[in-house]
Amino acid sequence: MFFVAEALREAEGGNKDMNRQLQELIIIRSELQSERDAMQAQLSDLGDANRDLQLRLEAANAALLQVKQDLENRLRDSEEEFENTRYYYYHYLLPKASLIPRARKQEIS
């Protein structure tokens, strides 16, 4: 009978240890679940922030593309204006400028 009582006490002691370990594991599990929930919330926030940054990046790229197109149009217009000025100079002003010395010579003579 002594051995049975001793085995029962050992089993009860082991049972208490297992209950204590179980309670510790339940606490750890609860902490891990809370940590997981917090990390999921952070991940969701980061996803929202990433989408916002993507939208801002797309808007900035669209704005830069518009600026590039505007600058290319202005450059093309300036080049056309320059070519028109050069054409006018060579075809209208330069020939008339060569007539001025002749006209002065005729006035002097």
Protein backbone atom coordinates (compact mmCIF):
# COMPACT_ATOMS: atom_id res chain seq x y z
CA MET A 1 0.00 0.00 0.00
CA PHE A 2 2.89 2.32 0.76
CA PHE A 3 4.09 2.02 -2.83
CA VAL A 4 0.67 2.87 -4.19
CA ALA A 5 0.41 5.95 -1.96
CA GLU A 6 3.91 7.02 -2.95
CA ALA A 7 3.10 6.52 -6.64
CA LEU A 8 -0.13 8.48 -6.16
CA ARG A 9 1.78 11.40 -4.56
CA GLU A 10 4.33 11.34 -7.36
CA ALA A 11 1.52 11.29 -9.92
CA GLU A 12 -0.23 14.18 -8.17
CA GLY A 13 3.06 16.13 -8.10
CA GLY A 14 3.60 15.37 -11.77
CA ASN A 15 0.01 16.40 -12.45
CA LYS A 16 0.58 19.74 -10.65
CA ASP A 17 3.75 20.30 -12.69
CA MET A 18 1.90 19.48 -15.89
CA ASN A 19 -0.97 21.84 -14.93
CA ARG A 20 1.54 24.62 -14.20
CA GLN A 21 3.30 23.99 -17.53
CA LEU A 22 -0.07 23.91 -19.26
CA GLN A 23 -1.00 27.29 -17.76
CA GLU A 24 2.38 28.72 -18.82
CA LEU A 25 1.86 27.38 -22.34
CA ILE A 26 -1.66 28.86 -22.44
CA ILE A 27 -0.21 32.25 -21.44
CA ILE A 28 2.54 31.97 -24.06
CA ARG A 29 -0.04 30.97 -26.69
CA SER A 30 -2.18 33.98 -25.79
CA GLU A 31 0.85 36.29 -26.01
CA LEU A 32 1.80 34.83 -29.39
CA GLN A 33 -1.74 35.27 -30.70
CA SER A 34 -1.71 38.90 -29.56
CA GLU A 35 1.67 39.42 -31.21
CA ARG A 36 0.37 37.77 -34.41
CA ASP A 37 -2.69 40.05 -34.42
CA ALA A 38 -0.50 43.12 -33.92
CA MET A 39 1.79 42.04 -36.77
CA GLN A 40 -1.21 41.44 -39.05
CA ALA A 41 -2.46 44.94 -38.27
CA GLN A 42 0.98 46.37 -39.05
CA LEU A 43 1.10 44.39 -42.27
CA SER A 44 -2.29 45.75 -43.26
CA ASP A 45 -1.15 49.30 -42.48
CA LEU A 46 2.02 48.78 -44.49
CA GLY A 47 -0.03 47.44 -47.40
CA ASP A 48 -2.22 50.55 -47.28
CA ALA A 49 0.87 52.78 -47.13
CA ASN A 50 2.40 50.88 -50.05
CA ARG A 51 -0.74 51.34 -52.16
CA ASP A 52 -0.75 55.04 -51.30
CA LEU A 53 2.91 55.38 -52.30
CA GLN A 54 2.24 53.49 -55.54
CA LEU A 55 -0.57 55.92 -56.38
CA ARG A 56 1.67 58.88 -55.57
CA LEU A 57 4.46 57.41 -57.71
CA GLU A 58 2.09 56.92 -60.63
CA ALA A 59 0.83 60.49 -60.26
CA ALA A 60 4.40 61.82 -60.13
CA ASN A 61 5.35 59.79 -63.21
CA ALA A 62 2.31 61.09 -65.07
CA ALA A 63 3.22 64.66 -64.09
CA LEU A 64 6.82 64.15 -65.22
CA LEU A 65 5.63 62.69 -68.50
CA GLN A 66 3.42 65.73 -69.02
CA VAL A 67 6.33 68.08 -68.26
CA LYS A 68 8.54 66.14 -70.68
CA GLN A 69 5.92 66.38 -73.41
CA ASP A 70 5.46 70.09 -72.75
CA LEU A 71 9.21 70.68 -72.94
CA GLU A 72 9.49 68.65 -76.14
CA ASN A 73 6.65 70.69 -77.66
CA ARG A 74 8.28 73.95 -76.62
CA LEU A 75 11.62 72.79 -78.04
CA ARG A 76 9.98 71.77 -81.31
CA ASP A 77 8.18 75.13 -81.48
CA SER A 78 11.44 76.97 -80.80
CA GLU A 79 13.24 74.96 -83.47
CA GLU A 80 10.45 75.72 -85.95
CA GLU A 81 10.58 79.39 -85.05
CA PHE A 82 14.36 79.38 -85.48
CA GLU A 83 14.08 77.66 -88.86
CA ASN A 84 11.42 80.14 -89.95
CA THR A 85 13.61 83.04 -88.85
CA ARG A 86 16.61 81.60 -90.66
CA TYR A 87 14.52 81.04 -93.81
CA TYR A 88 13.17 84.60 -93.63
CA TYR A 89 16.68 85.99 -93.12
CA TYR A 90 18.22 84.10 -96.04
CA HIS A 91 15.34 84.53 -98.45
CA TYR A 92 14.09 88.02 -97.66
CA LEU A 93 16.44 90.08 -95.52
CA LEU A 94 19.82 89.06 -96.92
CA PRO A 95 18.89 89.70 -100.57
CA LYS A 96 17.45 93.08 -99.62
CA ALA A 97 20.51 93.91 -97.54
CA SER A 98 22.66 93.41 -100.61
CA LEU A 99 20.48 95.97 -102.42
CA ILE A 100 21.16 98.66 -99.81
CA PRO A 101 24.79 99.28 -100.82
CA ARG A 102 23.71 99.50 -104.47
CA ALA A 103 21.03 101.99 -103.59
CA ARG A 104 23.53 104.11 -101.64
CA LYS A 105 25.94 104.03 -104.53
CA GLN A 106 23.18 105.23 -106.82
CA GLU A 107 22.29 108.01 -104.38
CA ILE A 108 25.91 109.12 -104.20
CA SER A 109 26.42 109.05 -107.94
